[in-house]
């Protein structure tokens, strides 16, 4: 039995160059999520202090969600006839999510999360634009993941505003 080749869409032979571009973007998204999981685990364990608990709990919840995103990207890579990369292809990039020098520096962690979520949002918007009109399945999946990332960023922006406001309600300089 021979395999049937699609004549239209992302699986068409005529769109193999575009499919390869999408696969590269999905691999980057996969690594972004994997790296975020590693950083969120560290940043959900290391913090100390009275006010750290809410951040710890949020990051612990996000670990599962981000890992789920990585699995979705991995599955889509395979569906598009790509190969999910192995650990030897990993290159860390998230310097902003490294644990802070002082374990009570919760603002450092919050800012790192906001930067990670912003980077994901920007990359996922590029995937959505690239797949428009060609790969509806990937586009739909990434739109759903984008919503999660926007929600995460909004939550941590709220945490940052709270940390930057003193008890009298006046904002402190960042």
C-alpha atoms as a PDB file:
ATOM      1  CA  UNK A   1       0.000   0.000   0.000  1.00  0.00           C
ATOM      2  CA  UNK A   2       1.469   3.355  -0.992  1.00  0.00           C
ATOM      3  CA  UNK A   3       1.160   6.572   0.962  1.00  0.00           C
ATOM      4  CA  UNK A   4      -1.180   9.224  -0.368  1.00  0.00           C
ATOM      5  CA  UNK A   5       0.416  12.629  -0.856  1.00  0.00           C
ATOM      6  CA  UNK A   6      -1.692  15.710  -0.233  1.00  0.00           C
ATOM      7  CA  UNK A   7      -2.119  18.047  -3.175  1.00  0.00           C
ATOM      8  CA  UNK A   8      -3.033  21.131  -1.141  1.00  0.00           C
ATOM      9  CA  UNK A   9      -2.129  22.612   2.198  1.00  0.00           C
ATOM     10  CA  UNK A  10       0.940  22.241   4.346  1.00  0.00           C
ATOM     11  CA  UNK A  11       1.400  18.545   3.510  1.00  0.00           C
ATOM     12  CA  UNK A  12       1.508  19.137  -0.260  1.00  0.00           C
ATOM     13  CA  UNK A  13       4.844  18.531  -1.905  1.00  0.00           C
ATOM     14  CA  UNK A  14       4.635  21.998  -3.459  1.00  0.00           C
ATOM     15  CA  UNK A  15       4.608  23.484   0.063  1.00  0.00           C
ATOM     16  CA  UNK A  16       7.550  21.478   1.433  1.00  0.00           C
ATOM     17  CA  UNK A  17       9.725  24.590   1.873  1.00  0.00           C
ATOM     18  CA  UNK A  18       7.000  26.354   3.849  1.00  0.00           C
ATOM     19  CA  UNK A  19       6.387  23.159   5.876  1.00  0.00           C
ATOM     20  CA  UNK A  20      10.088  23.075   6.768  1.00  0.00           C
ATOM     21  CA  UNK A  21       9.896  26.694   7.923  1.00  0.00           C
ATOM     22  CA  UNK A  22       6.898  25.836  10.101  1.00  0.00           C
ATOM     23  CA  UNK A  23       8.698  22.789  11.504  1.00  0.00           C
ATOM     24  CA  UNK A  24      11.649  24.985  12.502  1.00  0.00           C
ATOM     25  CA  UNK A  25       9.295  27.443  14.201  1.00  0.00           C
ATOM     26  CA  UNK A  26       7.553  24.589  16.025  1.00  0.00           C
ATOM     27  CA  UNK A  27      10.891  23.188  17.182  1.00  0.00           C
ATOM     28  CA  UNK A  28      11.830  26.597  18.574  1.00  0.00           C
ATOM     29  CA  UNK A  29       8.459  26.785  20.354  1.00  0.00           C
ATOM     30  CA  UNK A  30       9.014  23.277  21.731  1.00  0.00           C
ATOM     31  CA  UNK A  31      12.412  24.273  23.175  1.00  0.00           C
ATOM     32  CA  UNK A  32      11.011  27.518  24.568  1.00  0.00           C
ATOM     33  CA  UNK A  33       8.392  25.539  26.487  1.00  0.00           C
ATOM     34  CA  UNK A  34      10.891  22.920  27.709  1.00  0.00           C
ATOM     35  CA  UNK A  35      13.282  25.612  28.919  1.00  0.00           C
ATOM     36  CA  UNK A  36      10.435  27.458  30.606  1.00  0.00           C
ATOM     37  CA  UNK A  37       9.458  24.255  32.444  1.00  0.00           C
ATOM     38  CA  UNK A  38      13.015  23.888  33.758  1.00  0.00           C
ATOM     39  CA  UNK A  39      13.145  27.514  34.866  1.00  0.00           C
ATOM     40  CA  UNK A  40       9.683  27.457  36.418  1.00  0.00           C
ATOM     41  CA  UNK A  41      10.589  24.371  38.440  1.00  0.00           C
ATOM     42  CA  UNK A  42      13.697  26.108  39.798  1.00  0.00           C
ATOM     43  CA  UNK A  43      11.796  29.318  40.446  1.00  0.00           C
ATOM     44  CA  UNK A  44       8.962  27.470  42.185  1.00  0.00           C
ATOM     45  CA  UNK A  45      11.376  25.774  44.599  1.00  0.00           C
ATOM     46  CA  UNK A  46      14.029  28.400  45.350  1.00  0.00           C
ATOM     47  CA  UNK A  47      12.090  31.458  46.588  1.00  0.00           C
ATOM     48  CA  UNK A  48      11.946  32.308  50.274  1.00  0.00           C
ATOM     49  CA  UNK A  49       9.878  34.801  52.184  1.00  0.00           C
ATOM     50  CA  UNK A  50       6.379  35.524  53.337  1.00  0.00           C
ATOM     51  CA  UNK A  51       5.203  36.894  49.991  1.00  0.00           C
ATOM     52  CA  UNK A  52       6.727  34.151  47.837  1.00  0.00           C
ATOM     53  CA  UNK A  53       3.990  31.542  48.310  1.00  0.00           C
ATOM     54  CA  UNK A  54       1.564  32.901  45.685  1.00  0.00           C
ATOM     55  CA  UNK A  55       4.329  33.041  43.072  1.00  0.00           C
ATOM     56  CA  UNK A  56       5.482  29.519  43.971  1.00  0.00           C
ATOM     57  CA  UNK A  57       1.951  28.153  43.595  1.00  0.00           C
ATOM     58  CA  UNK A  58       1.380  29.937  40.281  1.00  0.00           C
ATOM     59  CA  UNK A  59       4.644  28.614  38.852  1.00  0.00           C
ATOM     60  CA  UNK A  60       3.882  25.081  40.043  1.00  0.00           C
ATOM     61  CA  UNK A  61       0.579  25.193  38.149  1.00  0.00           C
ATOM     62  CA  UNK A  62       2.240  26.688  35.087  1.00  0.00           C
ATOM     63  CA  UNK A  63       4.821  23.870  34.930  1.00  0.00           C
ATOM     64  CA  UNK A  64       2.120  21.354  33.985  1.00  0.00           C
ATOM     65  CA  UNK A  65       0.538  23.683  31.474  1.00  0.00           C
ATOM     66  CA  UNK A  66       3.849  24.587  29.809  1.00  0.00           C
ATOM     67  CA  UNK A  67       4.828  20.908  29.645  1.00  0.00           C
ATOM     68  CA  UNK A  68       1.490  20.255  27.962  1.00  0.00           C
ATOM     69  CA  UNK A  69       2.311  22.942  25.409  1.00  0.00           C
ATOM     70  CA  UNK A  70       5.680  21.286  24.717  1.00  0.00           C
ATOM     71  CA  UNK A  71       3.906  17.964  24.126  1.00  0.00           C
ATOM     72  CA  UNK A  72       1.469  19.625  21.733  1.00  0.00           C
ATOM     73  CA  UNK A  73       4.332  21.146  19.754  1.00  0.00           C
ATOM     74  CA  UNK A  74       6.145  17.787  19.701  1.00  0.00           C
ATOM     75  CA  UNK A  75       3.069  15.976  18.415  1.00  0.00           C
ATOM     76  CA  UNK A  76       2.492  18.574  15.704  1.00  0.00           C
ATOM     77  CA  UNK A  77       6.122  18.299  14.583  1.00  0.00           C
ATOM     78  CA  UNK A  78       5.624  14.561  14.105  1.00  0.00           C
ATOM     79  CA  UNK A  79       2.273  15.058  12.318  1.00  0.00           C
ATOM     80  CA  UNK A  80       4.039  17.325   9.823  1.00  0.00           C
ATOM     81  CA  UNK A  81       6.613  14.558   9.167  1.00  0.00           C
ATOM     82  CA  UNK A  82       9.307  16.224  11.227  1.00  0.00           C
ATOM     83  CA  UNK A  83      11.426  14.723  13.988  1.00  0.00           C
ATOM     84  CA  UNK A  84      11.095  15.987  17.538  1.00  0.00           C
ATOM     85  CA  UNK A  85      14.595  17.128  18.553  1.00  0.00           C
ATOM     86  CA  UNK A  86      16.517  15.355  21.301  1.00  0.00           C
ATOM     87  CA  UNK A  87      18.292  16.910  24.246  1.00  0.00           C
ATOM     88  CA  UNK A  88      21.625  17.320  22.423  1.00  0.00           C
ATOM     89  CA  UNK A  89      19.963  19.978  20.267  1.00  0.00           C
ATOM     90  CA  UNK A  90      18.935  22.086  23.270  1.00  0.00           C
ATOM     91  CA  UNK A  91      20.532  25.517  23.717  1.00  0.00           C
ATOM     92  CA  UNK A  92      19.470  27.513  26.758  1.00  0.00           C
ATOM     93  CA  UNK A  93      18.462  31.115  26.037  1.00  0.00           C
ATOM     94  CA  UNK A  94      16.378  32.306  28.986  1.00  0.00           C
ATOM     95  CA  UNK A  95      18.965  34.242  30.981  1.00  0.00           C
ATOM     96  CA  UNK A  96      16.173  36.343  32.497  1.00  0.00           C
ATOM     97  CA  UNK A  97      14.599  33.281  34.157  1.00  0.00           C
ATOM     98  CA  UNK A  98      17.688  32.176  36.033  1.00  0.00           C
ATOM     99  CA  UNK A  99      17.217  32.022  39.803  1.00  0.00           C
ATOM    100  CA  UNK A 100      17.997  35.362  41.471  1.00  0.00           C
ATOM    101  CA  UNK A 101      21.083  35.938  43.589  1.00  0.00           C
ATOM    102  CA  UNK A 102      18.858  36.367  46.646  1.00  0.00           C
ATOM    103  CA  UNK A 103      16.054  33.866  47.141  1.00  0.00           C
ATOM    104  CA  UNK A 104      13.802  36.616  48.476  1.00  0.00           C
ATOM    105  CA  UNK A 105      14.067  38.596  45.221  1.00  0.00           C
ATOM    106  CA  UNK A 106      10.587  37.687  44.024  1.00  0.00           C
ATOM    107  CA  UNK A 107      10.404  40.678  41.671  1.00  0.00           C
ATOM    108  CA  UNK A 108      13.305  39.185  39.671  1.00  0.00           C
ATOM    109  CA  UNK A 109      11.309  35.967  39.244  1.00  0.00           C
ATOM    110  CA  UNK A 110       8.134  37.843  38.284  1.00  0.00           C
ATOM    111  CA  UNK A 111       9.955  39.960  35.695  1.00  0.00           C
ATOM    112  CA  UNK A 112      11.584  36.820  34.278  1.00  0.00           C
ATOM    113  CA  UNK A 113       8.201  35.150  33.862  1.00  0.00           C
ATOM    114  CA  UNK A 114       6.794  38.234  32.135  1.00  0.00           C
ATOM    115  CA  UNK A 115       9.752  38.284  29.736  1.00  0.00           C
ATOM    116  CA  UNK A 116       9.399  34.559  29.005  1.00  0.00           C
ATOM    117  CA  UNK A 117       5.686  34.886  28.349  1.00  0.00           C
ATOM    118  CA  UNK A 118       6.249  37.949  26.145  1.00  0.00           C
ATOM    119  CA  UNK A 119       8.832  36.044  24.084  1.00  0.00           C
ATOM    120  CA  UNK A 120       6.439  33.131  23.661  1.00  0.00           C
ATOM    121  CA  UNK A 121       3.590  35.458  22.666  1.00  0.00           C
ATOM    122  CA  UNK A 122       5.750  37.131  20.027  1.00  0.00           C
ATOM    123  CA  UNK A 123       6.977  33.813  18.605  1.00  0.00           C
ATOM    124  CA  UNK A 124       3.521  32.262  18.585  1.00  0.00           C
ATOM    125  CA  UNK A 125       2.108  35.272  16.746  1.00  0.00           C
ATOM    126  CA  UNK A 126       4.789  34.718  14.078  1.00  0.00           C
ATOM    127  CA  UNK A 127       3.733  31.059  13.772  1.00  0.00           C
ATOM    128  CA  UNK A 128       0.085  32.107  13.440  1.00  0.00           C
ATOM    129  CA  UNK A 129       0.993  34.553  10.658  1.00  0.00           C
ATOM    130  CA  UNK A 130       3.200  32.004   8.870  1.00  0.00           C
ATOM    131  CA  UNK A 131       0.552  29.267   8.949  1.00  0.00           C
ATOM    132  CA  UNK A 132      -2.336  31.510   7.866  1.00  0.00           C
ATOM    133  CA  UNK A 133      -4.087  30.041   4.844  1.00  0.00           C
ATOM    134  CA  UNK A 134      -1.732  27.052   4.705  1.00  0.00           C
ATOM    135  CA  UNK A 135      -1.788  25.095   7.954  1.00  0.00           C
ATOM    136  CA  UNK A 136      -5.040  25.626   9.795  1.00  0.00           C
ATOM    137  CA  UNK A 137      -4.379  22.813  12.285  1.00  0.00           C
ATOM    138  CA  UNK A 138      -1.106  24.279  13.532  1.00  0.00           C
ATOM    139  CA  UNK A 139      -2.605  27.750  13.521  1.00  0.00           C
ATOM    140  CA  UNK A 140      -5.591  26.643  15.608  1.00  0.00           C
ATOM    141  CA  UNK A 141      -3.357  24.831  18.111  1.00  0.00           C
ATOM    142  CA  UNK A 142      -1.020  27.819  18.475  1.00  0.00           C
ATOM    143  CA  UNK A 143      -3.920  30.246  18.905  1.00  0.00           C
ATOM    144  CA  UNK A 144      -5.131  28.162  21.859  1.00  0.00           C
ATOM    145  CA  UNK A 145      -1.640  28.057  23.362  1.00  0.00           C
ATOM    146  CA  UNK A 146      -1.246  31.804  22.767  1.00  0.00           C
ATOM    147  CA  UNK A 147      -4.318  32.422  24.904  1.00  0.00           C
ATOM    148  CA  UNK A 148      -2.680  30.540  27.803  1.00  0.00           C
ATOM    149  CA  UNK A 149       0.513  32.558  27.452  1.00  0.00           C
ATOM    150  CA  UNK A 150      -1.361  35.860  27.376  1.00  0.00           C
ATOM    151  CA  UNK A 151      -3.253  34.818  30.524  1.00  0.00           C
ATOM    152  CA  UNK A 152       0.025  33.895  32.264  1.00  0.00           C
ATOM    153  CA  UNK A 153       1.627  37.199  31.347  1.00  0.00           C
ATOM    154  CA  UNK A 154      -1.398  39.182  32.534  1.00  0.00           C
ATOM    155  CA  UNK A 155      -1.394  37.332  35.874  1.00  0.00           C
ATOM    156  CA  UNK A 156       2.293  38.048  36.486  1.00  0.00           C
ATOM    157  CA  UNK A 157       1.924  41.673  35.405  1.00  0.00           C
ATOM    158  CA  UNK A 158      -0.645  41.950  38.182  1.00  0.00           C
ATOM    159  CA  UNK A 159       1.799  40.400  40.645  1.00  0.00           C
ATOM    160  CA  UNK A 160       4.448  42.894  39.559  1.00  0.00           C
ATOM    161  CA  UNK A 161       2.106  45.848  40.073  1.00  0.00           C
ATOM    162  CA  UNK A 162       1.332  44.559  43.561  1.00  0.00           C
ATOM    163  CA  UNK A 163       5.017  44.174  44.438  1.00  0.00           C
ATOM    164  CA  UNK A 164       5.799  47.646  43.118  1.00  0.00           C
ATOM    165  CA  UNK A 165       3.061  49.313  45.159  1.00  0.00           C
ATOM    166  CA  UNK A 166       3.654  50.135  48.808  1.00  0.00           C
ATOM    167  CA  UNK A 167       1.038  49.741  51.545  1.00  0.00           C
ATOM    168  CA  UNK A 168      -0.306  53.274  51.080  1.00  0.00           C
ATOM    169  CA  UNK A 169      -1.285  52.485  47.506  1.00  0.00           C
ATOM    170  CA  UNK A 170       1.438  54.617  45.950  1.00  0.00           C
ATOM    171  CA  UNK A 171       3.451  53.055  43.188  1.00  0.00           C
ATOM    172  CA  UNK A 172       7.122  52.606  43.873  1.00  0.00           C
ATOM    173  CA  UNK A 173       9.637  53.128  41.081  1.00  0.00           C
ATOM    174  CA  UNK A 174      10.674  49.855  39.444  1.00  0.00           C
END
